[in-house]
């Protein structure tokens, strides 16, 4: 386990890496330090060959309340010739922090959002970036962007349109209603629902199975699934044909190496 005072705590159990947002006193609201550390943690998990599955969760009683609207210690933005004005600097800052959901979505490993309580705002972008969302029965779901006059960030509008479809995603963001766990599960926002007491144990059991599964298959499977979200159908068929051959070939090589080692 990492430093208990760190904004992000990283823990490895076997081949499963858990990335924990660690501002429990603020329901893990995202300040600049947390977001920067989250980018680093997801990048490390993506490139570490020892990691077979990634879990993202929050410390304390919540997953993530979204962006911190009253961050302490951030200096006022000053326009400059090399960095541009406030709008340019704001874009650069937020776009860099949004690498975290991109990496969770694109890395060639299964990713799981373990939603241990309320999730809102940018937090639903982080959750939507993951392949699977396992939630506690106490979890709630709220877009919250309408409450701050925001259009949405951290990939939230993109992910949830892909997951739910355009009509359901528009209702989610425009109506801005808080959704209880059972209803979120019924609507397909959550993949699995568990009693709070067994959420971590149940999530870890599935994550260990995935981490110890066919890693090359997961990589090519995620590539296929991600292409399907945007790609032209014929190009998707080309990619499936290529990735099927690559994944089967890799699996055969690994199996042969295991037999030779016996």
Protein backbone atom coordinates (compact mmCIF):
# COMPACT_ATOMS: atom_id res chain seq x y z
CA UNK A 1 0.00 0.00 0.00
CA UNK A 2 1.27 3.50 -0.82
CA UNK A 3 1.51 6.63 1.32
CA UNK A 4 -1.78 7.11 3.18
CA UNK A 5 -1.49 10.89 2.65
CA UNK A 6 -1.03 10.60 -1.11
CA UNK A 7 -3.77 11.84 -3.43
CA UNK A 8 -3.72 8.49 -5.25
CA UNK A 9 -2.90 5.18 -3.56
CA UNK A 10 -1.69 2.31 -5.72
CA UNK A 11 -1.80 -1.31 -4.53
CA UNK A 12 -0.91 -4.56 -6.29
CA UNK A 13 -2.52 -7.86 -5.35
CA UNK A 14 -1.08 -10.49 -7.64
CA UNK A 15 -1.52 -9.16 -11.18
CA UNK A 16 -4.37 -6.82 -10.18
CA UNK A 17 -3.54 -3.16 -9.67
CA UNK A 18 -5.92 -1.01 -7.63
CA UNK A 19 -5.79 2.76 -8.12
CA UNK A 20 -7.58 4.52 -5.26
CA UNK A 21 -8.56 8.19 -5.32
CA UNK A 22 -7.67 9.45 -1.85
CA UNK A 23 -9.51 12.57 -0.75
CA UNK A 24 -12.19 10.92 1.37
CA UNK A 25 -12.96 14.13 3.27
CA UNK A 26 -14.07 15.66 -0.07
CA UNK A 27 -15.70 12.51 -1.49
CA UNK A 28 -12.57 12.23 -3.66
CA UNK A 29 -13.29 15.45 -5.55
CA UNK A 30 -10.62 16.03 -8.18
CA UNK A 31 -8.09 18.77 -7.51
CA UNK A 32 -5.03 19.39 -9.69
CA UNK A 33 -2.72 17.18 -7.63
CA UNK A 34 -5.12 14.25 -7.61
CA UNK A 35 -5.76 14.54 -11.35
CA UNK A 36 -2.05 14.74 -12.13
CA UNK A 37 -1.30 11.73 -9.94
CA UNK A 38 -4.19 9.83 -11.53
CA UNK A 39 -2.72 10.39 -15.01
CA UNK A 40 0.64 9.06 -13.78
CA UNK A 41 -0.96 6.05 -12.07
CA UNK A 42 -3.02 5.03 -15.10
CA UNK A 43 -0.04 5.47 -17.43
CA UNK A 44 2.09 3.28 -15.15
CA UNK A 45 -0.62 0.60 -15.05
CA UNK A 46 -1.01 0.67 -18.83
CA UNK A 47 2.68 0.09 -19.53
CA UNK A 48 3.53 -2.30 -16.66
CA UNK A 49 3.64 -5.86 -18.09
CA UNK A 50 3.09 -7.33 -14.62
CA UNK A 51 -0.38 -5.75 -14.43
CA UNK A 52 -3.17 -7.82 -15.96
CA UNK A 53 -6.25 -5.96 -14.69
CA UNK A 54 -6.85 -2.49 -13.23
CA UNK A 55 -9.41 -1.46 -10.60
CA UNK A 56 -10.22 2.21 -9.96
CA UNK A 57 -12.04 3.10 -6.75
CA UNK A 58 -12.36 5.79 -4.11
CA UNK A 59 -11.29 5.99 -0.49
CA UNK A 60 -13.90 6.32 2.22
CA UNK A 61 -17.61 6.40 1.45
CA UNK A 62 -17.59 7.63 -2.14
CA UNK A 63 -16.11 6.96 -5.57
CA UNK A 64 -15.67 10.50 -6.89
CA UNK A 65 -17.79 13.64 -6.48
CA UNK A 66 -16.39 15.22 -9.64
CA UNK A 67 -14.13 18.24 -9.96
CA UNK A 68 -13.27 20.30 -6.89
CA UNK A 69 -15.00 23.63 -7.49
CA UNK A 70 -13.05 25.37 -4.73
CA UNK A 71 -9.48 24.14 -5.12
CA UNK A 72 -6.99 25.48 -2.61
CA UNK A 73 -3.64 26.86 -3.67
CA UNK A 74 -4.21 27.16 -7.42
CA UNK A 75 -2.63 30.45 -8.56
CA UNK A 76 -4.69 32.75 -10.79
CA UNK A 77 -4.13 32.23 -14.49
CA UNK A 78 -2.00 34.94 -16.08
CA UNK A 79 -1.93 35.41 -19.83
CA UNK A 80 1.50 35.03 -21.38
CA UNK A 81 3.02 35.04 -24.84
CA UNK A 82 4.17 31.43 -24.65
CA UNK A 83 1.20 29.87 -22.84
CA UNK A 84 -1.64 31.97 -24.22
CA UNK A 85 -4.65 33.40 -22.44
CA UNK A 86 -6.93 31.93 -19.80
CA UNK A 87 -8.97 29.89 -22.28
CA UNK A 88 -5.90 28.29 -23.91
CA UNK A 89 -4.29 27.49 -20.57
CA UNK A 90 -7.52 26.13 -19.18
CA UNK A 91 -7.88 23.86 -22.21
CA UNK A 92 -4.29 22.58 -21.96
CA UNK A 93 -4.64 21.87 -18.24
CA UNK A 94 -7.96 20.00 -18.49
CA UNK A 95 -7.00 18.11 -21.63
CA UNK A 96 -3.86 16.78 -19.93
CA UNK A 97 -5.84 15.58 -16.91
CA UNK A 98 -8.33 13.88 -19.24
CA UNK A 99 -5.59 11.49 -20.34
CA UNK A 100 -6.58 9.35 -17.33
CA UNK A 101 -9.97 8.25 -18.75
CA UNK A 102 -8.44 7.86 -22.20
CA UNK A 103 -5.84 5.47 -20.85
CA UNK A 104 -8.42 3.51 -18.85
CA UNK A 105 -10.50 3.12 -21.99
CA UNK A 106 -7.71 2.35 -24.44
CA UNK A 107 -5.18 0.29 -22.46
CA UNK A 108 -5.08 -3.34 -23.59
CA UNK A 109 -6.15 -4.65 -20.18
CA UNK A 110 -9.56 -5.05 -18.52
CA UNK A 111 -10.43 -2.05 -16.35
CA UNK A 112 -13.02 -2.04 -13.57
CA UNK A 113 -14.60 0.91 -11.77
CA UNK A 114 -15.36 -0.29 -8.22
CA UNK A 115 -18.02 2.25 -7.27
CA UNK A 116 -18.19 2.22 -3.49
CA UNK A 117 -20.56 5.16 -3.05
CA UNK A 118 -21.68 8.37 -4.78
CA UNK A 119 -20.25 9.13 -8.22
CA UNK A 120 -20.88 12.44 -9.96
CA UNK A 121 -19.51 14.89 -12.51
CA UNK A 122 -16.07 13.99 -13.81
CA UNK A 123 -16.34 10.82 -11.71
CA UNK A 124 -18.92 9.42 -14.12
CA UNK A 125 -16.38 10.00 -16.89
CA UNK A 126 -13.80 7.92 -15.02
CA UNK A 127 -16.42 5.22 -14.37
CA UNK A 128 -17.59 5.26 -17.98
CA UNK A 129 -14.00 4.92 -19.21
CA UNK A 130 -13.69 1.52 -17.54
CA UNK A 131 -14.79 -1.68 -19.24
CA UNK A 132 -16.86 -2.80 -16.25
CA UNK A 133 -18.60 -1.00 -13.39
CA UNK A 134 -19.19 -2.92 -10.16
CA UNK A 135 -21.20 -0.92 -7.64
CA UNK A 136 -22.18 -1.13 -4.00
CA UNK A 137 -25.87 -1.06 -3.14
CA UNK A 138 -25.26 2.32 -1.46
CA UNK A 139 -23.85 3.85 -4.66
CA UNK A 140 -25.65 6.71 -6.39
CA UNK A 141 -25.11 8.17 -9.86
CA UNK A 142 -25.44 11.83 -10.82
CA UNK A 143 -24.22 13.71 -13.89
CA UNK A 144 -24.23 17.04 -11.97
CA UNK A 145 -22.89 19.07 -14.90
CA UNK A 146 -26.16 21.01 -15.20
CA UNK A 147 -25.74 22.10 -11.57
CA UNK A 148 -22.46 23.87 -12.30
CA UNK A 149 -23.38 25.11 -15.77
CA UNK A 150 -20.88 22.73 -17.37
CA UNK A 151 -21.08 20.84 -20.64
CA UNK A 152 -19.34 17.69 -19.37
CA UNK A 153 -15.74 16.54 -19.20
CA UNK A 154 -13.48 13.52 -18.61
CA UNK A 155 -15.13 11.83 -21.58
CA UNK A 156 -18.47 11.60 -19.76
CA UNK A 157 -20.73 12.65 -22.65
CA UNK A 158 -18.84 10.42 -25.10
CA UNK A 159 -18.68 7.31 -22.91
CA UNK A 160 -22.29 7.39 -21.76
CA UNK A 161 -23.64 8.02 -25.25
CA UNK A 162 -21.75 4.90 -26.36
CA UNK A 163 -22.85 2.84 -23.35
CA UNK A 164 -26.53 3.87 -23.16
CA UNK A 165 -27.37 5.26 -26.58
CA UNK A 166 -28.03 8.87 -27.50
CA UNK A 167 -31.55 9.22 -26.08
CA UNK A 168 -30.77 7.76 -22.66
CA UNK A 169 -27.53 9.73 -22.40
CA UNK A 170 -29.31 12.99 -23.18
CA UNK A 171 -31.83 12.29 -20.42
CA UNK A 172 -28.98 11.47 -18.04
CA UNK A 173 -27.22 14.80 -18.63
CA UNK A 174 -30.07 17.20 -19.36
CA UNK A 175 -32.45 16.08 -16.60
CA UNK A 176 -29.58 15.71 -14.12
CA UNK A 177 -31.47 13.38 -11.78
CA UNK A 178 -29.76 11.40 -9.04
CA UNK A 179 -30.12 7.66 -9.67
CA UNK A 180 -30.05 5.07 -6.90
CA UNK A 181 -27.93 1.93 -7.35
CA UNK A 182 -30.76 -0.49 -8.13
CA UNK A 183 -32.15 1.79 -10.83
CA UNK A 184 -28.66 2.49 -12.21
CA UNK A 185 -28.14 -1.26 -12.50
CA UNK A 186 -31.50 -1.69 -14.21
CA UNK A 187 -30.65 1.02 -16.74
CA UNK A 188 -27.26 -0.52 -17.51
CA UNK A 189 -25.12 2.17 -15.88
CA UNK A 190 -23.68 -0.44 -13.51
CA UNK A 191 -22.53 -3.86 -14.72
CA UNK A 192 -22.94 -5.68 -11.40
CA UNK A 193 -24.42 -4.71 -8.04
CA UNK A 194 -23.09 -6.07 -4.74
CA UNK A 195 -23.87 -5.59 -1.05
CA UNK A 196 -21.47 -3.00 0.36
CA UNK A 197 -19.81 -5.53 2.66
CA UNK A 198 -18.68 -7.78 -0.20
CA UNK A 199 -18.03 -5.25 -2.98
CA UNK A 200 -14.24 -5.29 -2.66
CA UNK A 201 -13.98 -9.06 -2.22
CA UNK A 202 -16.31 -9.79 -5.15
CA UNK A 203 -14.60 -7.26 -7.42
CA UNK A 204 -11.15 -8.59 -6.57
CA UNK A 205 -12.22 -12.17 -7.26
CA UNK A 206 -13.35 -11.26 -10.78
CA UNK A 207 -10.33 -9.01 -11.36
CA UNK A 208 -7.95 -11.83 -10.41
CA UNK A 209 -9.67 -14.15 -12.87
CA UNK A 210 -9.34 -11.57 -15.63
CA UNK A 211 -5.72 -10.76 -14.74
CA UNK A 212 -4.84 -14.44 -14.93
CA UNK A 213 -6.77 -14.95 -18.16
CA UNK A 214 -5.68 -14.68 -21.80
CA UNK A 215 -3.99 -11.28 -21.75
CA UNK A 216 -3.30 -11.11 -25.47
CA UNK A 217 -6.95 -11.91 -26.12
CA UNK A 218 -8.07 -9.07 -23.85
CA UNK A 219 -5.79 -6.68 -25.73
CA UNK A 220 -7.14 -7.58 -29.14
CA UNK A 221 -10.70 -7.89 -27.85
CA UNK A 222 -10.58 -4.34 -26.45
CA UNK A 223 -9.13 -3.12 -29.73
CA UNK A 224 -12.09 -4.67 -31.57
CA UNK A 225 -14.62 -3.24 -29.12
CA UNK A 226 -13.10 0.24 -29.21
CA UNK A 227 -13.03 0.26 -33.01
CA UNK A 228 -16.68 -0.78 -33.05
CA UNK A 229 -17.63 2.42 -31.22
CA UNK A 230 -16.48 4.65 -34.07
CA UNK A 231 -15.19 2.60 -36.92
CA UNK A 232 -16.64 1.92 -40.34
CA UNK A 233 -18.16 -1.58 -40.39
CA UNK A 234 -15.88 -2.91 -43.15
CA UNK A 235 -12.81 -1.61 -41.29
CA UNK A 236 -14.11 -3.26 -38.13
CA UNK A 237 -14.37 -6.59 -39.98
CA UNK A 238 -10.78 -6.17 -41.21
CA UNK A 239 -9.61 -5.49 -37.67
CA UNK A 240 -11.54 -8.46 -36.28
CA UNK A 241 -10.00 -10.78 -38.85
CA UNK A 242 -6.50 -9.50 -38.08
CA UNK A 243 -6.93 -9.46 -34.29
CA UNK A 244 -8.51 -12.92 -34.21
CA UNK A 245 -5.49 -14.35 -35.98
CA UNK A 246 -3.06 -12.44 -33.78
CA UNK A 247 -4.78 -13.41 -30.52
CA UNK A 248 -5.17 -17.10 -31.45
CA UNK A 249 -1.55 -17.21 -32.60
CA UNK A 250 -0.35 -15.60 -29.37
CA UNK A 251 -2.42 -18.01 -27.30
CA UNK A 252 -0.97 -20.98 -29.17
CA UNK A 253 2.59 -19.72 -28.67
CA UNK A 254 2.00 -19.26 -24.94
CA UNK A 255 0.45 -22.72 -24.63
CA UNK A 256 3.33 -24.29 -26.54
CA UNK A 257 5.86 -22.53 -24.34
CA UNK A 258 4.05 -23.87 -21.27
CA UNK A 259 4.16 -27.43 -22.60
CA UNK A 260 7.84 -27.13 -23.46
CA UNK A 261 8.60 -25.92 -19.93
CA UNK A 262 7.05 -29.01 -18.36
